[in-house]
Amino acid sequence: MSIDWAALGSVFGVSLVVTVALVGLFTLGIVGLSRQEQAAARGGSAALAVTGAYACFAACAAAVAYGIYLIVA
């Protein structure tokens, strides 16, 4: 039995990059919602921040759904 170290390293690298990207995207969504709350407290509008936050959350959900699709298929 032999281990294909190149394939193992490739899987590790891709999973690390995707994990960091998803966490960063989710964090941007939370920051966008936080900006909306701050703007509402000051009496302003932050429609762009809310739209960006929802787009970040939608991209996270799409990435998770795609991962589940890859596992099931």
PDB file of N, CA and C in Angstrom:
ATOM      1  N   MET A   1       0.845  -1.176   0.000  1.00  0.00           N
ATOM      2  CA  MET A   1       0.000   0.000   0.000  1.00  0.00           C
ATOM      3  C   MET A   1       0.889   1.238   0.000  1.00  0.00           C
ATOM      4  N   SER A   2       0.582   2.143  -0.906  1.00  0.00           N
ATOM      5  CA  SER A   2       1.366   3.373  -0.970  1.00  0.00           C
ATOM      6  C   SER A   2       0.422   4.569  -0.949  1.00  0.00           C
ATOM      7  N   ILE A   3       0.914   5.651  -0.413  1.00  0.00           N
ATOM      8  CA  ILE A   3       0.130   6.871  -0.302  1.00  0.00           C
ATOM      9  C   ILE A   3       0.591   7.842  -1.383  1.00  0.00           C
ATOM     10  N   ASP A   4      -0.351   8.379  -2.108  1.00  0.00           N
ATOM     11  CA  ASP A   4      -0.050   9.391  -3.114  1.00  0.00           C
ATOM     12  C   ASP A   4       0.036  10.740  -2.401  1.00  0.00           C
ATOM     13  N   TRP A   5       1.238  11.099  -1.992  1.00  0.00           N
ATOM     14  CA  TRP A   5       1.438  12.304  -1.190  1.00  0.00           C
ATOM     15  C   TRP A   5       1.104  13.575  -1.953  1.00  0.00           C
ATOM     16  N   ALA A   6       1.312  13.560  -3.255  1.00  0.00           N
ATOM     17  CA  ALA A   6       0.989  14.744  -4.055  1.00  0.00           C
ATOM     18  C   ALA A   6      -0.515  14.994  -4.059  1.00  0.00           C
ATOM     19  N   ALA A   7      -1.297  13.933  -4.210  1.00  0.00           N
ATOM     20  CA  ALA A   7      -2.751  14.081  -4.196  1.00  0.00           C
ATOM     21  C   ALA A   7      -3.237  14.491  -2.813  1.00  0.00           C
ATOM     22  N   LEU A   8      -2.644  13.921  -1.776  1.00  0.00           N
ATOM     23  CA  LEU A   8      -3.023  14.285  -0.414  1.00  0.00           C
ATOM     24  C   LEU A   8      -2.705  15.755  -0.135  1.00  0.00           C
ATOM     25  N   GLY A   9      -1.551  16.196  -0.576  1.00  0.00           N
ATOM     26  CA  GLY A   9      -1.182  17.602  -0.403  1.00  0.00           C
ATOM     27  C   GLY A   9      -2.087  18.529  -1.183  1.00  0.00           C
ATOM     28  N   SER A  10      -2.470  18.106  -2.379  1.00  0.00           N
ATOM     29  CA  SER A  10      -3.370  18.908  -3.206  1.00  0.00           C
ATOM     30  C   SER A  10      -4.735  19.061  -2.543  1.00  0.00           C
ATOM     31  N   VAL A  11      -5.274  17.966  -2.037  1.00  0.00           N
ATOM     32  CA  VAL A  11      -6.571  18.011  -1.355  1.00  0.00           C
ATOM     33  C   VAL A  11      -6.477  18.890  -0.116  1.00  0.00           C
ATOM     34  N   PHE A  12      -5.395  18.760   0.635  1.00  0.00           N
ATOM     35  CA  PHE A  12      -5.208  19.581   1.827  1.00  0.00           C
ATOM     36  C   PHE A  12      -5.135  21.064   1.462  1.00  0.00           C
ATOM     37  N   GLY A  13      -4.374  21.389   0.432  1.00  0.00           N
ATOM     38  CA  GLY A  13      -4.223  22.783   0.023  1.00  0.00           C
ATOM     39  C   GLY A  13      -5.525  23.400  -0.444  1.00  0.00           C
ATOM     40  N   VAL A  14      -6.255  22.664  -1.268  1.00  0.00           N
ATOM     41  CA  VAL A  14      -7.531  23.189  -1.783  1.00  0.00           C
ATOM     42  C   VAL A  14      -8.535  23.347  -0.655  1.00  0.00           C
ATOM     43  N   SER A  15      -8.609  22.373   0.240  1.00  0.00           N
ATOM     44  CA  SER A  15      -9.567  22.481   1.342  1.00  0.00           C
ATOM     45  C   SER A  15      -9.202  23.627   2.284  1.00  0.00           C
ATOM     46  N   LEU A  16      -7.920  23.868   2.489  1.00  0.00           N
ATOM     47  CA  LEU A  16      -7.495  24.984   3.338  1.00  0.00           C
ATOM     48  C   LEU A  16      -7.881  26.323   2.714  1.00  0.00           C
ATOM     49  N   VAL A  17      -7.627  26.469   1.426  1.00  0.00           N
ATOM     50  CA  VAL A  17      -7.953  27.720   0.730  1.00  0.00           C
ATOM     51  C   VAL A  17      -9.460  27.956   0.715  1.00  0.00           C
ATOM     52  N   VAL A  18     -10.231  26.931   0.424  1.00  0.00           N
ATOM     53  CA  VAL A  18     -11.684  27.082   0.376  1.00  0.00           C
ATOM     54  C   VAL A  18     -12.239  27.399   1.760  1.00  0.00           C
ATOM     55  N   THR A  19     -11.705  26.761   2.791  1.00  0.00           N
ATOM     56  CA  THR A  19     -12.164  27.040   4.151  1.00  0.00           C
ATOM     57  C   THR A  19     -11.885  28.479   4.551  1.00  0.00           C
ATOM     58  N   VAL A  20     -10.693  28.949   4.276  1.00  0.00           N
ATOM     59  CA  VAL A  20     -10.343  30.336   4.611  1.00  0.00           C
ATOM     60  C   VAL A  20     -11.213  31.306   3.813  1.00  0.00           C
ATOM     61  N   ALA A  21     -11.467  30.998   2.548  1.00  0.00           N
ATOM     62  CA  ALA A  21     -12.302  31.871   1.720  1.00  0.00           C
ATOM     63  C   ALA A  21     -13.739  31.922   2.243  1.00  0.00           C
ATOM     64  N   LEU A  22     -14.293  30.774   2.625  1.00  0.00           N
ATOM     65  CA  LEU A  22     -15.662  30.766   3.135  1.00  0.00           C
ATOM     66  C   LEU A  22     -15.779  31.499   4.461  1.00  0.00           C
ATOM     67  N   VAL A  23     -14.812  31.303   5.338  1.00  0.00           N
ATOM     68  CA  VAL A  23     -14.839  32.019   6.614  1.00  0.00           C
ATOM     69  C   VAL A  23     -14.711  33.523   6.374  1.00  0.00           C
ATOM     70  N   GLY A  24     -13.841  33.922   5.459  1.00  0.00           N
ATOM     71  CA  GLY A  24     -13.703  35.339   5.132  1.00  0.00           C
ATOM     72  C   GLY A  24     -14.972  35.913   4.539  1.00  0.00           C
ATOM     73  N   LEU A  25     -15.617  35.166   3.665  1.00  0.00           N
ATOM     74  CA  LEU A  25     -16.862  35.616   3.049  1.00  0.00           C
ATOM     75  C   LEU A  25     -17.973  35.754   4.090  1.00  0.00           C
ATOM     76  N   PHE A  26     -18.069  34.800   4.994  1.00  0.00           N
ATOM     77  CA  PHE A  26     -19.071  34.868   6.049  1.00  0.00           C
ATOM     78  C   PHE A  26     -18.792  36.056   6.970  1.00  0.00           C
ATOM     79  N   THR A  27     -17.510  36.302   7.249  1.00  0.00           N
ATOM     80  CA  THR A  27     -17.135  37.439   8.079  1.00  0.00           C
ATOM     81  C   THR A  27     -17.525  38.750   7.413  1.00  0.00           C
ATOM     82  N   LEU A  28     -17.316  38.850   6.113  1.00  0.00           N
ATOM     83  CA  LEU A  28     -17.745  40.054   5.393  1.00  0.00           C
ATOM     84  C   LEU A  28     -19.259  40.261   5.487  1.00  0.00           C
ATOM     85  N   GLY A  29     -20.007  39.181   5.456  1.00  0.00           N
ATOM     86  CA  GLY A  29     -21.452  39.278   5.621  1.00  0.00           C
ATOM     87  C   GLY A  29     -21.837  39.801   6.991  1.00  0.00           C
ATOM     88  N   ILE A  30     -21.165  39.311   8.014  1.00  0.00           N
ATOM     89  CA  ILE A  30     -21.448  39.780   9.371  1.00  0.00           C
ATOM     90  C   ILE A  30     -21.065  41.249   9.514  1.00  0.00           C
ATOM     91  N   VAL A  31     -19.948  41.641   8.932  1.00  0.00           N
ATOM     92  CA  VAL A  31     -19.524  43.048   8.990  1.00  0.00           C
ATOM     93  C   VAL A  31     -20.543  43.932   8.272  1.00  0.00           C
ATOM     94  N   GLY A  32     -21.058  43.468   7.154  1.00  0.00           N
ATOM     95  CA  GLY A  32     -22.073  44.240   6.428  1.00  0.00           C
ATOM     96  C   GLY A  32     -23.331  44.446   7.251  1.00  0.00           C
ATOM     97  N   LEU A  33     -23.769  43.414   7.949  1.00  0.00           N
ATOM     98  CA  LEU A  33     -24.946  43.570   8.805  1.00  0.00           C
ATOM     99  C   LEU A  33     -24.643  44.471   9.993  1.00  0.00           C
ATOM    100  N   SER A  34     -23.427  44.416  10.486  1.00  0.00           N
ATOM    101  CA  SER A  34     -23.025  45.295  11.582  1.00  0.00           C
ATOM    102  C   SER A  34     -23.038  46.752  11.141  1.00  0.00           C
ATOM    103  N   ARG A  35     -22.560  47.008   9.927  1.00  0.00           N
ATOM    104  CA  ARG A  35     -22.587  48.377   9.392  1.00  0.00           C
ATOM    105  C   ARG A  35     -24.014  48.878   9.257  1.00  0.00           C
ATOM    106  N   GLN A  36     -24.927  47.985   8.889  1.00  0.00           N
ATOM    107  CA  GLN A  36     -26.325  48.376   8.745  1.00  0.00           C
ATOM    108  C   GLN A  36     -26.887  48.783  10.096  1.00  0.00           C
ATOM    109  N   GLU A  37     -26.558  48.044  11.142  1.00  0.00           N
ATOM    110  CA  GLU A  37     -27.052  48.386  12.476  1.00  0.00           C
ATOM    111  C   GLU A  37     -26.466  49.715  12.954  1.00  0.00           C
ATOM    112  N   GLN A  38     -25.193  49.938  12.653  1.00  0.00           N
ATOM    113  CA  GLN A  38     -24.571  51.206  13.039  1.00  0.00           C
ATOM    114  C   GLN A  38     -25.209  52.378  12.302  1.00  0.00           C
ATOM    115  N   ALA A  39     -25.493  52.194  11.022  1.00  0.00           N
ATOM    116  CA  ALA A  39     -26.114  53.266  10.236  1.00  0.00           C
ATOM    117  C   ALA A  39     -27.535  53.535  10.723  1.00  0.00           C
ATOM    118  N   ALA A  40     -28.256  52.479  11.091  1.00  0.00           N
ATOM    119  CA  ALA A  40     -29.616  52.666  11.591  1.00  0.00           C
ATOM    120  C   ALA A  40     -29.599  53.407  12.923  1.00  0.00           C
ATOM    121  N   ALA A  41     -28.594  53.139  13.742  1.00  0.00           N
ATOM    122  CA  ALA A  41     -28.495  53.836  15.027  1.00  0.00           C
ATOM    123  C   ALA A  41     -28.208  55.324  14.828  1.00  0.00           C
ATOM    124  N   ARG A  42     -27.494  55.658  13.754  1.00  0.00           N
ATOM    125  CA  ARG A  42     -27.176  57.060  13.457  1.00  0.00           C
ATOM    126  C   ARG A  42     -28.252  57.733  12.616  1.00  0.00           C
ATOM    127  N   GLY A  43     -29.252  56.974  12.198  1.00  0.00           N
ATOM    128  CA  GLY A  43     -30.342  57.551  11.420  1.00  0.00           C
ATOM    129  C   GLY A  43     -30.100  57.531   9.926  1.00  0.00           C
ATOM    130  N   GLY A  44     -29.104  56.811   9.460  1.00  0.00           N
ATOM    131  CA  GLY A  44     -28.805  56.752   8.033  1.00  0.00           C
ATOM    132  C   GLY A  44     -29.312  55.470   7.398  1.00  0.00           C
ATOM    133  N   SER A  45     -28.948  55.289   6.152  1.00  0.00           N
ATOM    134  CA  SER A  45     -29.334  54.089   5.423  1.00  0.00           C
ATOM    135  C   SER A  45     -28.082  53.392   4.911  1.00  0.00           C
ATOM    136  N   ALA A  46     -28.075  52.090   4.998  1.00  0.00           N
ATOM    137  CA  ALA A  46     -26.933  51.316   4.528  1.00  0.00           C
ATOM    138  C   ALA A  46     -27.422  50.160   3.668  1.00  0.00           C
ATOM    139  N   ALA A  47     -28.163  50.488   2.621  1.00  0.00           N
ATOM    140  CA  ALA A  47     -28.730  49.463   1.753  1.00  0.00           C
ATOM    141  C   ALA A  47     -27.636  48.675   1.039  1.00  0.00           C
ATOM    142  N   LEU A  48     -26.553  49.340   0.680  1.00  0.00           N
ATOM    143  CA  LEU A  48     -25.471  48.651  -0.008  1.00  0.00           C
ATOM    144  C   LEU A  48     -24.805  47.625   0.912  1.00  0.00           C
ATOM    145  N   ALA A  49     -24.637  47.973   2.177  1.00  0.00           N
ATOM    146  CA  ALA A  49     -24.028  47.049   3.129  1.00  0.00           C
ATOM    147  C   ALA A  49     -24.907  45.820   3.330  1.00  0.00           C
ATOM    148  N   VAL A  50     -26.204  46.022   3.409  1.00  0.00           N
ATOM    149  CA  VAL A  50     -27.123  44.900   3.598  1.00  0.00           C
ATOM    150  C   VAL A  50     -27.151  44.016   2.356  1.00  0.00           C
ATOM    151  N   THR A  51     -27.172  44.638   1.192  1.00  0.00           N
ATOM    152  CA  THR A  51     -27.163  43.869  -0.055  1.00  0.00           C
ATOM    153  C   THR A  51     -25.881  43.055  -0.176  1.00  0.00           C
ATOM    154  N   GLY A  52     -24.746  43.661   0.150  1.00  0.00           N
ATOM    155  CA  GLY A  52     -23.475  42.938   0.119  1.00  0.00           C
ATOM    156  C   GLY A  52     -23.432  41.809   1.127  1.00  0.00           C
ATOM    157  N   ALA A  53     -24.007  42.046   2.311  1.00  0.00           N
ATOM    158  CA  ALA A  53     -24.031  41.007   3.337  1.00  0.00           C
ATOM    159  C   ALA A  53     -24.859  39.814   2.878  1.00  0.00           C
ATOM    160  N   TYR A  54     -26.021  40.092   2.312  1.00  0.00           N
ATOM    161  CA  TYR A  54     -26.858  38.989   1.823  1.00  0.00           C
ATOM    162  C   TYR A  54     -26.202  38.261   0.653  1.00  0.00           C
ATOM    163  N   ALA A  55     -25.478  38.992  -0.175  1.00  0.00           N
ATOM    164  CA  ALA A  55     -24.757  38.345  -1.281  1.00  0.00           C
ATOM    165  C   ALA A  55     -23.657  37.430  -0.737  1.00  0.00           C
ATOM    166  N   CYS A  56     -22.966  37.880   0.309  1.00  0.00           N
ATOM    167  CA  CYS A  56     -21.930  37.037   0.927  1.00  0.00           C
ATOM    168  C   CYS A  56     -22.535  35.777   1.522  1.00  0.00           C
ATOM    169  N   PHE A  57     -23.668  35.929   2.224  1.00  0.00           N
ATOM    170  CA  PHE A  57     -24.323  34.766   2.813  1.00  0.00           C
ATOM    171  C   PHE A  57     -24.842  33.818   1.735  1.00  0.00           C
ATOM    172  N   ALA A  58     -25.347  34.364   0.641  1.00  0.00           N
ATOM    173  CA  ALA A  58     -25.826  33.521  -0.460  1.00  0.00           C
ATOM    174  C   ALA A  58     -24.678  32.759  -1.102  1.00  0.00           C
ATOM    175  N   ALA A  59     -23.524  33.409  -1.249  1.00  0.00           N
ATOM    176  CA  ALA A  59     -22.358  32.724  -1.815  1.00  0.00           C
ATOM    177  C   ALA A  59     -21.880  31.612  -0.887  1.00  0.00           C
ATOM    178  N   CYS A  60     -21.925  31.847   0.414  1.00  0.00           N
ATOM    179  CA  CYS A  60     -21.558  30.801   1.376  1.00  0.00           C
ATOM    180  C   CYS A  60     -22.519  29.618   1.274  1.00  0.00           C
ATOM    181  N   ALA A  61     -23.802  29.916   1.205  1.00  0.00           N
ATOM    182  CA  ALA A  61     -24.794  28.848   1.090  1.00  0.00           C
ATOM    183  C   ALA A  61     -24.618  28.070  -0.211  1.00  0.00           C
ATOM    184  N   ALA A  62     -24.301  28.773  -1.292  1.00  0.00           N
ATOM    185  CA  ALA A  62     -24.077  28.095  -2.574  1.00  0.00           C
ATOM    186  C   ALA A  62     -22.846  27.200  -2.515  1.00  0.00           C
ATOM    187  N   ALA A  63     -21.790  27.663  -1.864  1.00  0.00           N
ATOM    188  CA  ALA A  63     -20.581  26.848  -1.743  1.00  0.00           C
ATOM    189  C   ALA A  63     -20.839  25.602  -0.900  1.00  0.00           C
ATOM    190  N   VAL A  64     -21.597  25.750   0.161  1.00  0.00           N
ATOM    191  CA  VAL A  64     -21.933  24.595   1.000  1.00  0.00           C
ATOM    192  C   VAL A  64     -22.816  23.622   0.228  1.00  0.00           C
ATOM    193  N   ALA A  65     -23.793  24.140  -0.492  1.00  0.00           N
ATOM    194  CA  ALA A  65     -24.672  23.278  -1.293  1.00  0.00           C
ATOM    195  C   ALA A  65     -23.876  22.544  -2.366  1.00  0.00           C
ATOM    196  N   TYR A  66     -22.924  23.223  -2.983  1.00  0.00           N
ATOM    197  CA  TYR A  66     -22.088  22.575  -3.995  1.00  0.00           C
ATOM    198  C   TYR A  66     -21.225  21.481  -3.365  1.00  0.00           C
ATOM    199  N   GLY A  67     -20.704  21.736  -2.178  1.00  0.00           N
ATOM    200  CA  GLY A  67     -19.931  20.707  -1.485  1.00  0.00           C
ATOM    201  C   GLY A  67     -20.764  19.482  -1.153  1.00  0.00           C
ATOM    202  N   ILE A  68     -21.997  19.712  -0.709  1.00  0.00           N
ATOM    203  CA  ILE A  68     -22.876  18.582  -0.433  1.00  0.00           C
ATOM    204  C   ILE A  68     -23.193  17.842  -1.722  1.00  0.00           C
ATOM    205  N   TYR A  69     -23.398  18.575  -2.801  1.00  0.00           N
ATOM    206  CA  TYR A  69     -23.655  17.934  -4.106  1.00  0.00           C
ATOM    207  C   TYR A  69     -22.462  17.067  -4.507  1.00  0.00           C
ATOM    208  N   LEU A  70     -21.251  17.556  -4.306  1.00  0.00           N
ATOM    209  CA  LEU A  70     -20.070  16.761  -4.661  1.00  0.00           C
ATOM    210  C   LEU A  70     -19.955  15.504  -3.818  1.00  0.00           C
ATOM    211  N   ILE A  71     -20.353  15.575  -2.567  1.00  0.00           N
ATOM    212  CA  ILE A  71     -20.283  14.401  -1.697  1.00  0.00           C
ATOM    213  C   ILE A  71     -21.344  13.373  -2.113  1.00  0.00           C
ATOM    214  N   VAL A  72     -22.530  13.840  -2.404  1.00  0.00           N
ATOM    215  CA  VAL A  72     -23.637  12.922  -2.721  1.00  0.00           C
ATOM    216  C   VAL A  72     -23.491  12.315  -4.109  1.00  0.00           C
ATOM    217  N   ALA A  73     -23.048  13.099  -5.063  1.00  0.00           N
ATOM    218  CA  ALA A  73     -22.969  12.622  -6.459  1.00  0.00           C
ATOM    219  C   ALA A  73     -21.891  11.615  -6.679  1.00  0.00           C
TER     220      ALA A  73
END
